[in-house]
């Protein structure tokens, strides 16, 4: 599909960073254990993954942000365990040049 872009957002243990070695390992593992279609175009290290107070990942609000929906409509920060966890994604959408919204 032309124009498709798939990022992967990862939260690492304190003191760890996404370097070339880790990125290669992630890509290789995804390609071997799943399919080449699962290999992301870019890998971004994030400070936190948004979750609800009960610990469920808030994937839909993040996906809606990435689709270009305004933050106020895409997510309800009041249900997040850490509302600031959305800040990276809001900033990413505003500054990204990976794809056009």
N, C-alpha and C. Protein backbone atom coordinates (compact mmCIF):
# COMPACT_ATOMS: atom_id res chain seq x y z
N UNK A 1 0.85 -1.18 0.00
CA UNK A 1 0.00 0.00 0.00
C UNK A 1 0.90 1.24 0.00
N UNK A 2 0.75 2.07 -0.97
CA UNK A 2 1.56 3.28 -1.07
C UNK A 2 1.16 4.26 0.03
N UNK A 3 2.15 4.94 0.58
CA UNK A 3 1.87 5.95 1.58
C UNK A 3 1.66 5.42 2.97
N UNK A 4 1.81 4.13 3.19
CA UNK A 4 1.62 3.55 4.51
C UNK A 4 2.91 3.69 5.31
N UNK A 5 2.79 4.10 6.56
CA UNK A 5 3.94 4.25 7.44
C UNK A 5 3.59 3.63 8.78
N UNK A 6 4.47 2.75 9.29
CA UNK A 6 4.20 2.10 10.57
C UNK A 6 5.34 2.36 11.55
N UNK A 7 5.08 3.19 12.56
CA UNK A 7 6.07 3.39 13.61
C UNK A 7 5.89 2.34 14.70
N UNK A 8 6.94 2.12 15.47
CA UNK A 8 6.87 1.28 16.66
C UNK A 8 7.36 2.14 17.82
N UNK A 9 6.55 2.23 18.86
CA UNK A 9 6.91 3.01 20.04
C UNK A 9 7.26 2.04 21.16
N UNK A 10 8.44 2.20 21.73
CA UNK A 10 8.90 1.28 22.77
C UNK A 10 9.27 2.04 24.04
N UNK A 11 8.95 1.44 25.16
CA UNK A 11 9.34 1.94 26.48
C UNK A 11 10.37 0.97 27.01
N UNK A 12 11.55 1.48 27.28
CA UNK A 12 12.65 0.63 27.74
C UNK A 12 12.90 0.81 29.23
N UNK A 13 13.66 -0.11 29.78
CA UNK A 13 14.05 -0.03 31.19
C UNK A 13 14.90 1.22 31.39
N UNK A 14 14.88 1.77 32.59
CA UNK A 14 15.71 2.96 32.88
C UNK A 14 17.18 2.72 32.51
N UNK A 15 17.76 3.72 31.87
CA UNK A 15 19.17 3.63 31.48
C UNK A 15 19.41 2.99 30.14
N UNK A 16 18.40 2.38 29.54
CA UNK A 16 18.53 1.75 28.22
C UNK A 16 18.07 2.72 27.14
N UNK A 17 18.65 2.59 25.96
CA UNK A 17 18.24 3.43 24.83
C UNK A 17 18.16 2.58 23.57
N UNK A 18 17.39 3.07 22.62
CA UNK A 18 17.31 2.41 21.33
C UNK A 18 18.56 2.80 20.55
N UNK A 19 19.44 1.83 20.38
CA UNK A 19 20.63 2.06 19.57
C UNK A 19 20.53 1.16 18.33
N UNK A 20 21.53 1.21 17.49
CA UNK A 20 21.48 0.43 16.24
C UNK A 20 21.38 -1.07 16.51
N UNK A 21 22.07 -1.53 17.54
CA UNK A 21 22.05 -2.96 17.86
C UNK A 21 20.66 -3.42 18.31
N UNK A 22 20.03 -2.65 19.20
CA UNK A 22 18.70 -3.01 19.66
C UNK A 22 17.68 -2.90 18.54
N UNK A 23 17.81 -1.87 17.75
CA UNK A 23 16.88 -1.70 16.63
C UNK A 23 16.98 -2.87 15.66
N UNK A 24 18.20 -3.31 15.36
CA UNK A 24 18.40 -4.45 14.47
C UNK A 24 17.80 -5.72 15.07
N UNK A 25 17.97 -5.89 16.38
CA UNK A 25 17.43 -7.07 17.06
C UNK A 25 15.90 -7.08 17.01
N UNK A 26 15.29 -5.92 17.24
CA UNK A 26 13.83 -5.82 17.18
C UNK A 26 13.34 -6.17 15.78
N UNK A 27 13.97 -5.57 14.78
CA UNK A 27 13.55 -5.81 13.39
C UNK A 27 13.70 -7.29 13.00
N UNK A 28 14.83 -7.88 13.37
CA UNK A 28 15.09 -9.28 13.05
C UNK A 28 14.09 -10.19 13.74
N UNK A 29 13.84 -9.94 15.02
CA UNK A 29 12.90 -10.76 15.78
C UNK A 29 11.51 -10.69 15.19
N UNK A 30 11.04 -9.49 14.87
CA UNK A 30 9.71 -9.35 14.29
C UNK A 30 9.62 -10.05 12.94
N UNK A 31 10.66 -9.92 12.14
CA UNK A 31 10.64 -10.55 10.82
C UNK A 31 10.66 -12.07 10.93
N UNK A 32 11.45 -12.61 11.86
CA UNK A 32 11.55 -14.06 12.02
C UNK A 32 10.33 -14.66 12.71
N UNK A 33 9.86 -14.00 13.77
CA UNK A 33 8.77 -14.57 14.57
C UNK A 33 7.39 -14.27 13.98
N UNK A 34 7.28 -13.26 13.15
CA UNK A 34 6.00 -12.89 12.54
C UNK A 34 6.18 -12.87 11.03
N UNK A 35 6.14 -11.69 10.42
CA UNK A 35 6.34 -11.59 8.98
C UNK A 35 7.04 -10.26 8.70
N UNK A 36 7.60 -10.09 7.51
CA UNK A 36 8.21 -8.81 7.17
C UNK A 36 7.23 -7.64 7.27
N UNK A 37 5.95 -7.91 7.14
CA UNK A 37 4.94 -6.84 7.26
C UNK A 37 4.88 -6.27 8.68
N UNK A 38 5.37 -7.01 9.65
CA UNK A 38 5.35 -6.56 11.04
C UNK A 38 6.55 -5.69 11.40
N UNK A 39 7.50 -5.57 10.50
CA UNK A 39 8.70 -4.77 10.76
C UNK A 39 8.35 -3.29 10.59
N UNK A 40 8.58 -2.49 11.65
CA UNK A 40 8.21 -1.08 11.57
C UNK A 40 9.13 -0.29 10.66
N UNK A 41 8.61 0.84 10.18
CA UNK A 41 9.43 1.75 9.37
C UNK A 41 10.44 2.49 10.25
N UNK A 42 9.99 2.89 11.43
CA UNK A 42 10.87 3.58 12.39
C UNK A 42 10.53 3.12 13.79
N UNK A 43 11.52 3.14 14.66
CA UNK A 43 11.34 2.78 16.06
C UNK A 43 11.64 4.00 16.91
N UNK A 44 10.69 4.34 17.77
CA UNK A 44 10.83 5.50 18.65
C UNK A 44 10.80 5.06 20.11
N UNK A 45 11.73 5.56 20.88
CA UNK A 45 11.72 5.32 22.31
C UNK A 45 10.83 6.38 22.96
N UNK A 46 9.90 5.93 23.80
CA UNK A 46 8.98 6.85 24.47
C UNK A 46 9.19 6.78 25.98
N UNK A 47 8.90 7.89 26.66
CA UNK A 47 9.08 7.89 28.12
C UNK A 47 8.03 7.05 28.83
N UNK A 48 6.85 6.89 28.23
CA UNK A 48 5.78 6.11 28.86
C UNK A 48 4.77 5.67 27.81
N UNK A 49 4.13 4.55 28.07
CA UNK A 49 3.03 4.07 27.25
C UNK A 49 1.74 4.42 27.99
N UNK A 50 0.82 5.14 27.35
CA UNK A 50 -0.42 5.50 28.04
C UNK A 50 -1.22 4.25 28.43
N UNK A 51 -1.63 4.20 29.68
CA UNK A 51 -2.47 3.11 30.18
C UNK A 51 -3.61 3.69 31.00
N UNK A 52 -4.65 2.88 31.15
CA UNK A 52 -5.75 3.26 32.03
C UNK A 52 -5.30 3.02 33.47
N UNK A 53 -6.11 3.43 34.40
CA UNK A 53 -5.78 3.20 35.82
C UNK A 53 -5.72 1.72 36.16
N UNK A 54 -6.38 0.90 35.36
CA UNK A 54 -6.34 -0.55 35.61
C UNK A 54 -5.22 -1.24 34.85
N UNK A 55 -4.41 -0.47 34.11
CA UNK A 55 -3.24 -1.02 33.45
C UNK A 55 -3.42 -1.41 31.99
N UNK A 56 -4.58 -1.18 31.41
CA UNK A 56 -4.80 -1.51 30.00
C UNK A 56 -4.17 -0.44 29.12
N UNK A 57 -3.41 -0.88 28.11
CA UNK A 57 -2.81 0.08 27.18
C UNK A 57 -3.90 0.82 26.41
N UNK A 58 -3.68 2.11 26.25
CA UNK A 58 -4.65 2.97 25.56
C UNK A 58 -4.23 3.14 24.09
N UNK A 59 -4.33 2.05 23.34
CA UNK A 59 -3.89 2.03 21.95
C UNK A 59 -4.81 2.85 21.04
N UNK A 60 -6.11 2.77 21.27
CA UNK A 60 -7.06 3.46 20.39
C UNK A 60 -6.87 4.97 20.43
N UNK A 61 -6.75 5.59 21.62
CA UNK A 61 -6.52 7.04 21.62
C UNK A 61 -5.22 7.43 20.90
N UNK A 62 -4.17 6.64 21.06
CA UNK A 62 -2.90 6.94 20.38
C UNK A 62 -3.09 6.79 18.87
N UNK A 63 -3.76 5.75 18.45
CA UNK A 63 -4.01 5.55 17.02
C UNK A 63 -4.83 6.71 16.46
N UNK A 64 -5.81 7.17 17.20
CA UNK A 64 -6.63 8.29 16.74
C UNK A 64 -5.78 9.56 16.60
N UNK A 65 -4.86 9.78 17.54
CA UNK A 65 -3.94 10.92 17.41
C UNK A 65 -3.14 10.80 16.12
N UNK A 66 -2.61 9.60 15.87
CA UNK A 66 -1.79 9.38 14.68
C UNK A 66 -2.58 9.55 13.39
N UNK A 67 -3.88 9.37 13.48
CA UNK A 67 -4.75 9.54 12.31
C UNK A 67 -5.10 11.01 12.08
N UNK A 68 -4.67 11.88 13.00
CA UNK A 68 -4.90 13.31 12.81
C UNK A 68 -6.06 13.89 13.58
N UNK A 69 -6.67 13.09 14.44
CA UNK A 69 -7.78 13.60 15.25
C UNK A 69 -7.20 14.49 16.35
N UNK A 70 -7.84 15.60 16.61
CA UNK A 70 -7.37 16.55 17.61
C UNK A 70 -7.25 15.86 18.97
N UNK A 71 -6.21 16.19 19.73
CA UNK A 71 -6.00 15.54 21.04
C UNK A 71 -7.21 15.58 21.95
N UNK A 72 -7.94 16.68 21.96
CA UNK A 72 -9.11 16.80 22.84
C UNK A 72 -10.19 15.78 22.47
N UNK A 73 -10.25 15.42 21.19
CA UNK A 73 -11.25 14.45 20.73
C UNK A 73 -10.71 13.03 20.73
N UNK A 74 -9.41 12.87 20.59
CA UNK A 74 -8.81 11.54 20.47
C UNK A 74 -8.70 10.82 21.80
N UNK A 75 -8.59 11.57 22.88
CA UNK A 75 -8.33 10.92 24.16
C UNK A 75 -8.99 11.65 25.31
N UNK A 76 -9.20 10.90 26.36
CA UNK A 76 -9.71 11.44 27.61
C UNK A 76 -8.62 11.24 28.65
N UNK A 77 -7.85 12.28 28.90
CA UNK A 77 -6.73 12.17 29.83
C UNK A 77 -7.15 11.77 31.24
N UNK A 78 -8.39 12.04 31.60
CA UNK A 78 -8.83 11.77 32.97
C UNK A 78 -8.90 10.28 33.29
N UNK A 79 -8.94 9.42 32.27
CA UNK A 79 -8.99 7.98 32.54
C UNK A 79 -7.60 7.34 32.52
N UNK A 80 -6.58 8.13 32.20
CA UNK A 80 -5.21 7.61 32.12
C UNK A 80 -4.56 7.53 33.50
N UNK A 81 -3.77 6.49 33.70
CA UNK A 81 -3.02 6.36 34.94
C UNK A 81 -2.02 7.51 35.06
N UNK A 82 -1.41 7.87 33.94
CA UNK A 82 -0.46 8.98 33.88
C UNK A 82 -0.82 9.84 32.67
N UNK A 83 -1.64 10.87 32.86
CA UNK A 83 -2.06 11.69 31.72
C UNK A 83 -0.90 12.27 30.91
N UNK A 84 0.24 12.49 31.54
CA UNK A 84 1.40 13.03 30.83
C UNK A 84 1.98 12.03 29.83
N UNK A 85 1.59 10.77 29.93
CA UNK A 85 2.10 9.76 29.00
C UNK A 85 1.69 10.06 27.56
N UNK A 86 0.64 10.86 27.38
CA UNK A 86 0.19 11.24 26.04
C UNK A 86 1.04 12.34 25.44
N UNK A 87 1.78 13.07 26.24
CA UNK A 87 2.51 14.25 25.76
C UNK A 87 3.46 13.92 24.61
N UNK A 88 4.20 12.82 24.71
CA UNK A 88 5.12 12.44 23.63
C UNK A 88 4.36 12.30 22.33
N UNK A 89 3.22 11.61 22.37
CA UNK A 89 2.47 11.32 21.15
C UNK A 89 1.85 12.57 20.55
N UNK A 90 1.34 13.46 21.40
CA UNK A 90 0.80 14.73 20.91
C UNK A 90 1.91 15.53 20.23
N UNK A 91 3.07 15.60 20.87
CA UNK A 91 4.21 16.32 20.30
C UNK A 91 4.68 15.66 19.00
N UNK A 92 4.74 14.33 19.00
CA UNK A 92 5.16 13.60 17.81
C UNK A 92 4.27 13.95 16.61
N UNK A 93 2.96 13.92 16.82
CA UNK A 93 2.03 14.21 15.73
C UNK A 93 2.23 15.62 15.21
N UNK A 94 2.49 16.56 16.09
CA UNK A 94 2.65 17.95 15.68
C UNK A 94 3.96 18.19 14.92
N UNK A 95 5.01 17.44 15.24
CA UNK A 95 6.31 17.71 14.64
C UNK A 95 6.78 16.66 13.63
N UNK A 96 6.10 15.54 13.54
CA UNK A 96 6.56 14.43 12.70
C UNK A 96 6.58 14.82 11.23
N UNK A 97 7.52 14.22 10.51
CA UNK A 97 7.54 14.37 9.06
C UNK A 97 7.65 13.00 8.39
N UNK A 98 7.20 11.98 9.13
CA UNK A 98 7.24 10.61 8.61
C UNK A 98 6.17 10.39 7.56
N UNK A 99 5.04 11.03 7.73
CA UNK A 99 3.93 10.85 6.80
C UNK A 99 2.99 12.04 6.95
N UNK A 100 2.15 12.24 5.97
CA UNK A 100 1.19 13.35 6.00
C UNK A 100 -0.10 12.88 6.63
N UNK A 101 -0.65 13.73 7.48
CA UNK A 101 -1.94 13.40 8.12
C UNK A 101 -3.08 13.78 7.21
